Amino acid sequence: MDEAHDLISTKNEVKDLLKTLKRLMQGDQGVIVILSGTDLLMDMIYFDEEVDRRFTKIQMPPIIDATEGDALRAVIARFCEIADLDRPTEADLVPQLIHGCRGRFGMCIEKSIEAIELALNEGATGLALGHYAEAWASTDTRPDAQNVFVNPKWASIDLNRRRPLKDGKLRQ
């Protein structure tokens, strides 16, 4: 189950989900359950000792440009080849992408696919930083000054800092 953390929102729902997962894994007809999600999912699994024991937990470390940047560049280049687009030429694109996606490989891939879709929809011949900026803006409510694909000081943008909403509530 991808994004399993979205399955529940209350403590009682966590308990119900964990009971259901235990039942699925029991007996001769038991199945292997694979869950993926955010840190919230890990917290939910740790909530129940029995479920915690039954699951093997694998956490993907954040990617960094120094070690995974070339591989990510190759993936983007291959995506561009498949989409018949020229690959992006901006030198900082991959470090910006990694920073903007907080080092999460899956988010880097999703954001790249969104940027490619935007490029194709506008009839562009190549994928460019602007497509990433637009893809970013479509899902992030930060002003352009905090868009990692627009701000030349992108590396200094703290994407984990919470900021207040107009109604006084906090958002990330």
Protein backbone atom coordinates (compact mmCIF):
# COMPACT_ATOMS: atom_id res chain seq x y z
CA MET A 1 0.00 0.00 0.00
CA ASP A 2 1.55 3.25 -1.11
CA GLU A 3 1.12 6.30 1.10
CA ALA A 4 -0.42 4.16 3.84
CA HIS A 5 -0.10 7.06 6.28
CA ASP A 6 -3.10 8.61 4.49
CA LEU A 7 -5.39 5.71 5.44
CA ILE A 8 -6.10 7.02 8.90
CA SER A 9 -6.47 10.25 10.80
CA THR A 10 -7.47 9.33 14.37
CA LYS A 11 -6.03 7.12 17.10
CA ASN A 12 -9.01 4.74 16.83
CA GLU A 13 -8.48 4.42 13.09
CA VAL A 14 -4.83 3.54 13.74
CA LYS A 15 -5.91 0.75 16.09
CA ASP A 16 -8.48 -0.55 13.57
CA LEU A 17 -6.00 -0.49 10.71
CA LEU A 18 -3.36 -2.30 12.75
CA LYS A 19 -5.89 -5.01 13.74
CA THR A 20 -6.80 -5.45 10.07
CA LEU A 21 -3.16 -5.74 9.06
CA LYS A 22 -2.54 -8.36 11.76
CA ARG A 23 -5.50 -10.41 10.50
CA LEU A 24 -4.22 -10.19 6.91
CA MET A 25 -0.84 -11.59 7.95
CA GLN A 26 -2.14 -14.52 10.05
CA GLY A 27 -2.59 -18.17 9.19
CA ASP A 28 -1.80 -20.30 6.17
CA GLN A 29 -3.58 -17.86 3.88
CA GLY A 30 -1.76 -14.85 5.36
CA VAL A 31 -0.31 -12.33 2.99
CA ILE A 32 2.84 -10.27 3.08
CA VAL A 33 1.89 -6.65 3.54
CA ILE A 34 4.16 -3.95 2.16
CA LEU A 35 3.46 -0.41 3.26
CA SER A 36 5.14 2.75 2.12
CA GLY A 37 4.67 6.22 3.49
CA THR A 38 6.06 9.07 5.51
CA ASP A 39 7.55 9.15 9.00
CA LEU A 40 3.96 9.25 10.28
CA LEU A 41 3.52 5.69 9.03
CA MET A 42 6.56 4.60 11.03
CA ASP A 43 5.05 6.19 14.13
CA MET A 44 1.81 4.29 13.49
CA ILE A 45 3.65 0.97 13.19
CA TYR A 46 5.51 1.58 16.46
CA PHE A 47 2.14 2.27 18.12
CA ASP A 48 1.44 -1.48 18.37
CA GLU A 49 4.21 -3.79 19.66
CA GLU A 50 2.86 -6.85 17.86
CA VAL A 51 2.62 -5.07 14.52
CA ASP A 52 6.04 -3.53 15.10
CA ARG A 53 7.52 -7.02 15.54
CA ARG A 54 5.82 -8.37 12.41
CA PHE A 55 7.07 -5.67 10.04
CA THR A 56 10.54 -5.31 8.65
CA LYS A 57 11.15 -1.60 8.47
CA ILE A 58 13.25 -0.05 5.75
CA GLN A 59 13.85 3.67 5.72
CA MET A 60 15.28 5.21 2.60
CA PRO A 61 17.96 7.73 3.50
CA PRO A 62 17.71 11.12 1.83
CA ILE A 63 19.54 11.33 -1.45
CA ILE A 64 22.29 13.88 -1.96
CA ASP A 65 23.77 15.30 -5.13
CA ALA A 66 27.30 14.14 -4.33
CA THR A 67 26.36 10.46 -4.34
CA GLU A 68 23.08 10.13 -6.26
CA GLY A 69 23.08 13.26 -8.41
CA ASP A 70 24.55 11.60 -11.50
CA ALA A 71 22.06 8.74 -11.30
CA LEU A 72 19.16 11.21 -10.97
CA ARG A 73 20.52 13.19 -13.94
CA ALA A 74 20.56 9.94 -15.95
CA VAL A 75 16.96 9.18 -14.98
CA ILE A 76 15.85 12.67 -16.02
CA ALA A 77 17.79 12.36 -19.28
CA ARG A 78 16.10 9.02 -20.02
CA PHE A 79 12.68 10.46 -19.23
CA CYS A 80 13.43 13.33 -21.63
CA GLU A 81 14.53 10.86 -24.31
CA ILE A 82 11.28 8.91 -23.92
CA ALA A 83 9.25 12.15 -24.06
CA ASP A 84 11.29 13.37 -27.06
CA LEU A 85 12.47 16.47 -25.16
CA ASP A 86 15.93 17.96 -24.97
CA ARG A 87 17.33 17.42 -21.50
CA PRO A 88 17.69 20.40 -19.17
CA THR A 89 20.96 22.29 -19.38
CA GLU A 90 20.89 24.17 -16.06
CA ALA A 91 23.83 23.00 -13.95
CA ASP A 92 22.07 23.42 -10.60
CA LEU A 93 18.81 21.73 -11.58
CA VAL A 94 19.49 18.40 -9.85
CA PRO A 95 20.79 19.94 -6.59
CA GLN A 96 17.76 22.27 -6.61
CA LEU A 97 15.44 19.33 -7.22
CA ILE A 98 16.99 17.31 -4.41
CA HIS A 99 16.79 20.27 -2.02
CA GLY A 100 13.22 21.08 -3.04
CA CYS A 101 12.14 17.47 -2.56
CA ARG A 102 13.95 17.27 0.78
CA GLY A 103 16.17 14.48 -0.48
CA ARG A 104 13.25 12.14 -1.19
CA PHE A 105 13.93 10.18 -4.34
CA GLY A 106 10.27 9.45 -5.07
CA MET A 107 9.38 13.13 -4.84
CA CYS A 108 12.25 13.98 -7.22
CA ILE A 109 10.82 11.54 -9.76
CA GLU A 110 7.25 12.83 -9.31
CA LYS A 111 8.35 16.46 -9.69
CA SER A 112 10.36 15.56 -12.82
CA ILE A 113 7.36 13.84 -14.38
CA GLU A 114 5.17 16.86 -13.59
CA ALA A 115 7.75 19.18 -15.17
CA ILE A 116 7.93 16.97 -18.28
CA GLU A 117 4.13 16.97 -18.58
CA LEU A 118 4.14 20.78 -18.40
CA ALA A 119 6.84 20.97 -21.09
CA LEU A 120 4.91 18.62 -23.37
CA ASN A 121 1.61 20.44 -22.80
CA GLU A 122 3.14 23.76 -23.81
CA GLY A 123 4.80 22.24 -26.88
CA ALA A 124 8.34 22.89 -25.66
CA THR A 125 11.25 21.17 -27.37
CA GLY A 126 13.16 20.74 -24.13
CA LEU A 127 12.77 20.43 -20.39
CA ALA A 128 13.91 23.53 -18.52
CA LEU A 129 14.19 24.95 -15.03
CA GLY A 130 11.02 26.98 -15.64
CA HIS A 131 9.00 23.79 -16.01
CA TYR A 132 10.22 22.64 -12.62
CA ALA A 133 9.41 26.06 -11.14
CA GLU A 134 5.87 25.80 -12.49
CA ALA A 135 5.49 22.21 -11.28
CA TRP A 136 6.72 23.24 -7.85
CA ALA A 137 4.32 26.19 -7.68
CA SER A 138 1.37 23.95 -8.55
CA THR A 139 1.76 21.96 -5.33
CA ASP A 140 3.55 24.30 -2.94
CA THR A 141 1.93 27.43 -1.55
CA ARG A 142 5.15 29.29 -0.88
CA PRO A 143 5.70 32.60 -2.66
CA ASP A 144 8.06 32.69 -5.67
CA ALA A 145 10.81 34.02 -3.40
CA GLN A 146 10.76 30.60 -1.70
CA ASN A 147 10.45 28.53 -4.88
CA VAL A 148 13.72 26.59 -5.06
CA PHE A 149 13.63 26.74 -8.85
CA VAL A 150 13.21 30.53 -8.96
CA ASN A 151 15.28 31.91 -6.08
CA PRO A 152 19.01 32.12 -6.87
CA LYS A 153 19.67 31.53 -3.16
CA TRP A 154 17.64 28.31 -3.24
CA ALA A 155 20.05 26.41 -0.98
CA SER A 156 19.29 28.77 1.90
CA ILE A 157 15.53 28.18 1.76
CA ASP A 158 14.44 26.23 4.85
CA LEU A 159 11.65 24.02 3.52
CA ASN A 160 10.95 22.46 6.90
CA ARG A 161 10.25 25.72 8.70
CA ARG A 162 6.64 26.16 9.65
CA ARG A 163 5.02 29.47 8.86
CA PRO A 164 1.74 30.95 10.09
CA LEU A 165 -1.39 31.12 7.99
CA LYS A 166 -3.61 34.17 7.91
CA ASP A 167 -6.06 32.56 10.36
CA GLY A 168 -3.29 31.97 12.89
CA LYS A 169 -2.85 28.23 12.26
CA LEU A 170 0.51 26.79 11.36
CA ARG A 171 1.34 25.18 8.06
CA GLN A 172 4.49 23.62 6.74
